[in-house]
Amino acid sequence: MSEKEDCPKPKQHPAHMCQLKHEGRIEEIDRHSARPNFVCNRCRAKADEEDYLCNPRPL
């Protein structure tokens, strides 16, 4: 993750989409982004709930 993409919520980071992607946890990514409502302003990942993103905003 680049300095630009540093997570403002590091305690929650293991569950964030960018970390799941980095670890290759594709099934979890699919499960948490089936009906995306939010997008991350940092990594552009999409997720059903904002808790899975570092810097979420509604789609």
C-alpha atoms as a PDB file:
ATOM      1  CA  MET A   1       0.000   0.000   0.000  1.00  0.00           C
ATOM      2  CA  SER A   2       1.449   3.350  -0.949  1.00  0.00           C
ATOM      3  CA  GLU A   3       1.765   6.284   1.442  1.00  0.00           C
ATOM      4  CA  LYS A   4      -1.172   7.898  -0.353  1.00  0.00           C
ATOM      5  CA  GLU A   5      -3.310   4.871   0.494  1.00  0.00           C
ATOM      6  CA  ASP A   6      -2.452   4.659   4.203  1.00  0.00           C
ATOM      7  CA  CYS A   7      -5.457   3.596   6.192  1.00  0.00           C
ATOM      8  CA  PRO A   8      -6.901   6.108   8.670  1.00  0.00           C
ATOM      9  CA  LYS A   9      -8.441   3.184  10.653  1.00  0.00           C
ATOM     10  CA  PRO A  10      -5.532   0.724  11.028  1.00  0.00           C
ATOM     11  CA  LYS A  11      -7.208  -1.335  13.788  1.00  0.00           C
ATOM     12  CA  GLN A  12      -9.987  -2.232  11.328  1.00  0.00           C
ATOM     13  CA  HIS A  13      -7.640  -2.652   8.392  1.00  0.00           C
ATOM     14  CA  PRO A  14      -7.450  -6.487   8.296  1.00  0.00           C
ATOM     15  CA  ALA A  15     -11.074  -6.512   7.127  1.00  0.00           C
ATOM     16  CA  HIS A  16     -10.753  -3.721   4.560  1.00  0.00           C
ATOM     17  CA  MET A  17     -11.078  -4.556   0.885  1.00  0.00           C
ATOM     18  CA  CYS A  18      -7.588  -3.321   0.000  1.00  0.00           C
ATOM     19  CA  GLN A  19      -6.053  -5.675   2.574  1.00  0.00           C
ATOM     20  CA  LEU A  20      -8.249  -8.581   1.451  1.00  0.00           C
ATOM     21  CA  LYS A  21      -7.095  -7.949  -2.130  1.00  0.00           C
ATOM     22  CA  HIS A  22      -3.451  -7.709  -1.053  1.00  0.00           C
ATOM     23  CA  GLU A  23      -3.803 -11.087   0.689  1.00  0.00           C
ATOM     24  CA  GLY A  24      -5.623 -12.663  -2.277  1.00  0.00           C
ATOM     25  CA  ARG A  25      -8.793 -13.342  -0.290  1.00  0.00           C
ATOM     26  CA  ILE A  26     -11.018 -13.159  -3.380  1.00  0.00           C
ATOM     27  CA  GLU A  27     -13.986 -15.090  -1.933  1.00  0.00           C
ATOM     28  CA  GLU A  28     -14.242 -12.609   0.948  1.00  0.00           C
ATOM     29  CA  ILE A  29     -14.029  -9.689  -1.474  1.00  0.00           C
ATOM     30  CA  ASP A  30     -16.845 -11.189  -3.529  1.00  0.00           C
ATOM     31  CA  ARG A  31     -18.938 -11.770  -0.415  1.00  0.00           C
ATOM     32  CA  HIS A  32     -18.548  -8.162   0.780  1.00  0.00           C
ATOM     33  CA  SER A  33     -19.070  -6.508  -2.599  1.00  0.00           C
ATOM     34  CA  ALA A  34     -22.021  -8.382  -4.103  1.00  0.00           C
ATOM     35  CA  ARG A  35     -24.276  -5.297  -3.867  1.00  0.00           C
ATOM     36  CA  PRO A  36     -21.910  -2.347  -3.454  1.00  0.00           C
ATOM     37  CA  ASN A  37     -23.232   0.814  -1.867  1.00  0.00           C
ATOM     38  CA  PHE A  38     -19.883   2.476  -1.097  1.00  0.00           C
ATOM     39  CA  VAL A  39     -16.589   3.176  -2.861  1.00  0.00           C
ATOM     40  CA  CYS A  40     -13.221   3.879  -1.250  1.00  0.00           C
ATOM     41  CA  ASN A  41     -11.783   7.315  -2.039  1.00  0.00           C
ATOM     42  CA  ARG A  42      -8.269   5.882  -1.649  1.00  0.00           C
ATOM     43  CA  CYS A  43      -8.169   2.548  -3.504  1.00  0.00           C
ATOM     44  CA  ARG A  44     -11.479   2.758  -5.434  1.00  0.00           C
ATOM     45  CA  ALA A  45     -12.659  -0.613  -4.089  1.00  0.00           C
ATOM     46  CA  LYS A  46     -16.422  -1.055  -3.808  1.00  0.00           C
ATOM     47  CA  ALA A  47     -18.211  -2.701  -0.891  1.00  0.00           C
ATOM     48  CA  ASP A  48     -21.681  -3.403   0.425  1.00  0.00           C
ATOM     49  CA  GLU A  49     -20.901  -1.674   3.748  1.00  0.00           C
ATOM     50  CA  GLU A  50     -18.602   1.241   4.508  1.00  0.00           C
ATOM     51  CA  ASP A  51     -16.843  -0.696   7.293  1.00  0.00           C
ATOM     52  CA  TYR A  52     -14.926  -2.642   4.636  1.00  0.00           C
ATOM     53  CA  LEU A  53     -13.302   0.488   3.190  1.00  0.00           C
ATOM     54  CA  CYS A  54     -10.562   2.825   4.453  1.00  0.00           C
ATOM     55  CA  ASN A  55     -12.123   6.064   3.203  1.00  0.00           C
ATOM     56  CA  PRO A  56     -15.706   5.310   2.098  1.00  0.00           C
ATOM     57  CA  ARG A  57     -18.258   7.434   0.340  1.00  0.00           C
ATOM     58  CA  PRO A  58     -21.712   6.435  -0.959  1.00  0.00           C
ATOM     59  CA  LEU A  59     -21.969   5.397  -4.596  1.00  0.00           C
END
